C-alpha atoms as a PDB file:
ATOM      1  CA  UNK A   1     -17.409  16.647  -8.931  1.00  0.00           C
ATOM      2  CA  UNK A   2     -13.912  16.785  -7.026  1.00  0.00           C
ATOM      3  CA  UNK A   3     -14.663  19.148  -3.841  1.00  0.00           C
ATOM      4  CA  UNK A   4     -11.972  21.668  -3.310  1.00  0.00           C
ATOM      5  CA  UNK A   5      -8.698  19.987  -1.542  1.00  0.00           C
ATOM      6  CA  UNK A   6      -7.937  23.324   0.538  1.00  0.00           C
ATOM      7  CA  UNK A   7     -12.119  22.240   2.436  1.00  0.00           C
ATOM      8  CA  UNK A   8     -10.343  18.847   2.842  1.00  0.00           C
ATOM      9  CA  UNK A   9      -6.974  19.306   4.733  1.00  0.00           C
ATOM     10  CA  UNK A  10      -7.477  17.903   7.203  1.00  0.00           C
ATOM     11  CA  UNK A  11      -9.323  14.526   5.600  1.00  0.00           C
ATOM     12  CA  UNK A  12      -6.035  14.197   3.557  1.00  0.00           C
ATOM     13  CA  UNK A  13      -4.079  14.122   6.828  1.00  0.00           C
ATOM     14  CA  UNK A  14      -6.348  12.219   9.157  1.00  0.00           C
ATOM     15  CA  UNK A  15      -6.211   9.134   5.311  1.00  0.00           C
ATOM     16  CA  UNK A  16      -2.481  10.273   5.890  1.00  0.00           C
ATOM     17  CA  UNK A  17      -1.838   9.489   8.932  1.00  0.00           C
ATOM     18  CA  UNK A  18      -4.198   6.217   8.050  1.00  0.00           C
ATOM     19  CA  UNK A  19      -2.160   4.895   5.228  1.00  0.00           C
ATOM     20  CA  UNK A  20       1.707   5.456   7.562  1.00  0.00           C
ATOM     21  CA  UNK A  21      -0.742   3.110   9.888  1.00  0.00           C
ATOM     22  CA  UNK A  22      -0.845   0.372   7.501  1.00  0.00           C
ATOM     23  CA  UNK A  23       2.562   0.731   6.949  1.00  0.00           C
ATOM     24  CA  UNK A  24       2.840   0.487  11.209  1.00  0.00           C
ATOM     25  CA  UNK A  25       1.164  -2.229  10.357  1.00  0.00           C
ATOM     26  CA  UNK A  26       3.616  -4.920   8.677  1.00  0.00           C
ATOM     27  CA  UNK A  27       6.382  -3.089  10.519  1.00  0.00           C
ATOM     28  CA  UNK A  28       4.993  -4.733  14.036  1.00  0.00           C
ATOM     29  CA  UNK A  29       2.986  -6.994  12.234  1.00  0.00           C
ATOM     30  CA  UNK A  30       0.486  -7.023  13.483  1.00  0.00           C
ATOM     31  CA  UNK A  31      -2.130  -8.593  12.062  1.00  0.00           C
ATOM     32  CA  UNK A  32      -4.763  -7.604  13.928  1.00  0.00           C
ATOM     33  CA  UNK A  33      -3.818  -3.024  13.252  1.00  0.00           C
ATOM     34  CA  UNK A  34      -4.334  -4.172   9.782  1.00  0.00           C
ATOM     35  CA  UNK A  35      -7.565  -5.647  10.025  1.00  0.00           C
ATOM     36  CA  UNK A  36      -9.293  -2.520  11.413  1.00  0.00           C
ATOM     37  CA  UNK A  37      -6.862  -0.401   9.137  1.00  0.00           C
ATOM     38  CA  UNK A  38      -9.643  -2.228   5.862  1.00  0.00           C
ATOM     39  CA  UNK A  39     -12.689  -2.424   5.914  1.00  0.00           C
ATOM     40  CA  UNK A  40     -14.366  -5.496   5.795  1.00  0.00           C
ATOM     41  CA  UNK A  41     -15.720  -5.624   1.965  1.00  0.00           C
ATOM     42  CA  UNK A  42     -12.428  -4.034   0.928  1.00  0.00           C
ATOM     43  CA  UNK A  43     -11.606  -4.909  -2.828  1.00  0.00           C
ATOM     44  CA  UNK A  44      -8.327  -4.493  -5.149  1.00  0.00           C
ATOM     45  CA  UNK A  45      -5.578  -5.975  -5.741  1.00  0.00           C
ATOM     46  CA  UNK A  46      -1.435  -6.401  -3.662  1.00  0.00           C
ATOM     47  CA  UNK A  47       1.312  -6.390  -6.062  1.00  0.00           C
ATOM     48  CA  UNK A  48       1.666 -10.219  -6.388  1.00  0.00           C
ATOM     49  CA  UNK A  49      -2.623 -10.400  -6.989  1.00  0.00           C
ATOM     50  CA  UNK A  50      -3.522 -13.180  -9.951  1.00  0.00           C
ATOM     51  CA  UNK A  51      -7.318 -12.350  -9.243  1.00  0.00           C
ATOM     52  CA  UNK A  52      -9.352  -9.905  -7.578  1.00  0.00           C
ATOM     53  CA  UNK A  53      -9.728  -9.606  -3.429  1.00  0.00           C
ATOM     54  CA  UNK A  54     -13.217  -9.858  -2.389  1.00  0.00           C
ATOM     55  CA  UNK A  55     -13.160  -9.153   1.271  1.00  0.00           C
ATOM     56  CA  UNK A  56     -10.398  -8.083   3.623  1.00  0.00           C
ATOM     57  CA  UNK A  57     -10.041 -12.372   5.100  1.00  0.00           C
ATOM     58  CA  UNK A  58      -8.981 -12.714   2.011  1.00  0.00           C
ATOM     59  CA  UNK A  59      -6.771  -9.437   1.125  1.00  0.00           C
ATOM     60  CA  UNK A  60      -5.183 -10.935   5.366  1.00  0.00           C
ATOM     61  CA  UNK A  61      -4.729 -14.196   4.054  1.00  0.00           C
ATOM     62  CA  UNK A  62      -3.058 -13.373   0.747  1.00  0.00           C
ATOM     63  CA  UNK A  63      -0.649 -10.457   2.923  1.00  0.00           C
ATOM     64  CA  UNK A  64       0.885 -13.398   5.125  1.00  0.00           C
ATOM     65  CA  UNK A  65       3.289 -14.135   3.292  1.00  0.00           C
ATOM     66  CA  UNK A  66       4.285 -10.727   2.901  1.00  0.00           C
ATOM     67  CA  UNK A  67       3.426 -10.180   6.980  1.00  0.00           C
ATOM     68  CA  UNK A  68       5.755 -12.969   7.716  1.00  0.00           C
ATOM     69  CA  UNK A  69       9.117 -12.686   5.339  1.00  0.00           C
ATOM     70  CA  UNK A  70       9.564  -8.901   5.238  1.00  0.00           C
ATOM     71  CA  UNK A  71      10.372  -6.926   8.153  1.00  0.00           C
ATOM     72  CA  UNK A  72       9.485  -3.368   6.848  1.00  0.00           C
ATOM     73  CA  UNK A  73      11.477  -0.923   9.169  1.00  0.00           C
ATOM     74  CA  UNK A  74      11.157   2.198   6.972  1.00  0.00           C
ATOM     75  CA  UNK A  75       8.352   3.824   4.026  1.00  0.00           C
ATOM     76  CA  UNK A  76       8.500   6.970   2.837  1.00  0.00           C
ATOM     77  CA  UNK A  77       5.021   8.012   0.169  1.00  0.00           C
ATOM     78  CA  UNK A  78       6.104  10.762  -2.739  1.00  0.00           C
ATOM     79  CA  UNK A  79       3.788  11.539  -5.275  1.00  0.00           C
ATOM     80  CA  UNK A  80       0.552  12.029  -3.285  1.00  0.00           C
ATOM     81  CA  UNK A  81      -2.457  13.459  -4.752  1.00  0.00           C
ATOM     82  CA  UNK A  82      -5.967  13.268  -3.315  1.00  0.00           C
ATOM     83  CA  UNK A  83      -9.434  14.518  -5.153  1.00  0.00           C
ATOM     84  CA  UNK A  84     -12.989  14.221  -3.222  1.00  0.00           C
ATOM     85  CA  UNK A  85     -16.224  12.848  -3.904  1.00  0.00           C
ATOM     86  CA  UNK A  86     -18.824  13.223  -1.288  1.00  0.00           C
ATOM     87  CA  UNK A  87     -17.911  10.784   1.199  1.00  0.00           C
ATOM     88  CA  UNK A  88     -15.001   8.611  -0.531  1.00  0.00           C
ATOM     89  CA  UNK A  89     -11.360   9.757  -1.121  1.00  0.00           C
ATOM     90  CA  UNK A  90      -9.227   8.785  -4.014  1.00  0.00           C
ATOM     91  CA  UNK A  91      -5.052   8.894  -2.985  1.00  0.00           C
ATOM     92  CA  UNK A  92      -2.657   7.971  -5.573  1.00  0.00           C
ATOM     93  CA  UNK A  93       1.065   8.317  -4.018  1.00  0.00           C
ATOM     94  CA  UNK A  94       3.969   6.014  -4.554  1.00  0.00           C
ATOM     95  CA  UNK A  95       6.079   4.043  -1.461  1.00  0.00           C
ATOM     96  CA  UNK A  96       9.302   3.277  -1.558  1.00  0.00           C
ATOM     97  CA  UNK A  97       9.948   0.681   1.657  1.00  0.00           C
ATOM     98  CA  UNK A  98      12.477  -0.875   2.927  1.00  0.00           C
ATOM     99  CA  UNK A  99      13.573  -3.394   5.576  1.00  0.00           C
ATOM    100  CA  UNK A 100      14.557  -6.723   5.790  1.00  0.00           C
ATOM    101  CA  UNK A 101      13.756 -10.122   4.469  1.00  0.00           C
ATOM    102  CA  UNK A 102      15.004 -14.173   6.069  1.00  0.00           C
ATOM    103  CA  UNK A 103      19.116 -15.207   6.575  1.00  0.00           C
ATOM    104  CA  UNK A 104      20.049 -11.032   6.829  1.00  0.00           C
ATOM    105  CA  UNK A 105      18.939  -9.801   3.308  1.00  0.00           C
ATOM    106  CA  UNK A 106      17.604  -6.958   2.763  1.00  0.00           C
ATOM    107  CA  UNK A 107      15.014  -5.175   0.390  1.00  0.00           C
ATOM    108  CA  UNK A 108      13.870  -1.883  -0.783  1.00  0.00           C
ATOM    109  CA  UNK A 109      10.818  -1.527  -4.229  1.00  0.00           C
ATOM    110  CA  UNK A 110       8.829   0.758  -5.219  1.00  0.00           C
ATOM    111  CA  UNK A 111       4.845   0.092  -5.598  1.00  0.00           C
ATOM    112  CA  UNK A 112       2.701   3.054  -7.236  1.00  0.00           C
ATOM    113  CA  UNK A 113      -0.658   2.339  -5.189  1.00  0.00           C
ATOM    114  CA  UNK A 114      -4.259   3.754  -5.469  1.00  0.00           C
ATOM    115  CA  UNK A 115      -6.423   3.753  -2.901  1.00  0.00           C
ATOM    116  CA  UNK A 116     -10.608   4.081  -2.029  1.00  0.00           C
ATOM    117  CA  UNK A 117     -11.130   5.730   1.127  1.00  0.00           C
ATOM    118  CA  UNK A 118     -14.688   5.748   2.582  1.00  0.00           C
ATOM    119  CA  UNK A 119     -16.332   8.051   5.546  1.00  0.00           C
ATOM    120  CA  UNK A 120     -17.342   6.422   8.580  1.00  0.00           C
ATOM    121  CA  UNK A 121     -19.249   7.190  11.669  1.00  0.00           C
ATOM    122  CA  UNK A 122     -15.884   6.370  13.286  1.00  0.00           C
ATOM    123  CA  UNK A 123     -13.353   8.110  10.291  1.00  0.00           C
ATOM    124  CA  UNK A 124     -12.032   7.120   7.302  1.00  0.00           C
ATOM    125  CA  UNK A 125     -10.800   3.487   6.353  1.00  0.00           C
ATOM    126  CA  UNK A 126     -10.132   2.098   3.385  1.00  0.00           C
ATOM    127  CA  UNK A 127     -12.358   0.741   0.503  1.00  0.00           C
ATOM    128  CA  UNK A 128     -10.442  -0.540  -1.642  1.00  0.00           C
ATOM    129  CA  UNK A 129      -7.084  -0.761  -2.912  1.00  0.00           C
ATOM    130  CA  UNK A 130      -4.740  -1.174  -6.361  1.00  0.00           C
ATOM    131  CA  UNK A 131      -1.547  -1.780  -5.806  1.00  0.00           C
ATOM    132  CA  UNK A 132       1.801  -3.105  -7.813  1.00  0.00           C
ATOM    133  CA  UNK A 133       5.006  -2.491  -8.161  1.00  0.00           C
ATOM    134  CA  UNK A 134       7.004   0.314  -9.896  1.00  0.00           C
ATOM    135  CA  UNK A 135       8.504   0.533 -13.126  1.00  0.00           C
ATOM    136  CA  UNK A 136      11.374   1.622 -11.454  1.00  0.00           C
ATOM    137  CA  UNK A 137      11.159  -1.652 -10.087  1.00  0.00           C
ATOM    138  CA  UNK A 138      11.169  -3.119 -13.040  1.00  0.00           C
ATOM    139  CA  UNK A 139      13.448  -1.789 -14.756  1.00  0.00           C
ATOM    140  CA  UNK A 140      16.237  -2.381 -11.988  1.00  0.00           C
ATOM    141  CA  UNK A 141      15.850  -6.176 -12.179  1.00  0.00           C
ATOM    142  CA  UNK A 142      15.658  -6.118 -15.559  1.00  0.00           C
ATOM    143  CA  UNK A 143      19.358  -4.418 -16.027  1.00  0.00           C
ATOM    144  CA  UNK A 144      20.300  -6.739 -13.184  1.00  0.00           C
ATOM    145  CA  UNK A 145      18.687  -9.590 -15.495  1.00  0.00           C
ATOM    146  CA  UNK A 146      20.167  -8.408 -18.588  1.00  0.00           C
ATOM    147  CA  UNK A 147      23.866  -7.717 -16.487  1.00  0.00           C
ATOM    148  CA  UNK A 148      24.019 -11.317 -15.444  1.00  0.00           C
ATOM    149  CA  UNK A 149      23.032 -12.767 -18.519  1.00  0.00           C
ATOM    150  CA  UNK A 150      25.896 -10.335 -20.372  1.00  0.00           C
ATOM    151  CA  UNK A 151      28.700 -12.155 -18.101  1.00  0.00           C
ATOM    152  CA  UNK A 152      27.619 -15.675 -19.483  1.00  0.00           C
END
């Protein structure tokens, strides 16, 4: 049974700070910090996953392209929701990320994220995630494609 959020205010703050540290690690291209924010047996999906990612090392390998080519400058979380089950927390949220790409281009996109956190002796850490492209992004890209198609 999910536990009351009122009794977990400190936990919510700690997890939100941890989530922010993940975005900071991407912004600073800090691979060591990124490794610390994920448990060794982390499981899940990133937005471009074609298969299950089975551990932290595979995750770090799979996000290398993001680290190399996308420089996060700002990020914002919205629609954050927590559920606690003992020493496990499920956190769902929308993340809007902006930044720079190579060749002086910029990017902005939204993601839907579900993170599963485990309370460890040293604090909360990320055990699993599912990251997907937000439907607003898909709609935006389809609209752009439709406009391009109608121009020809």
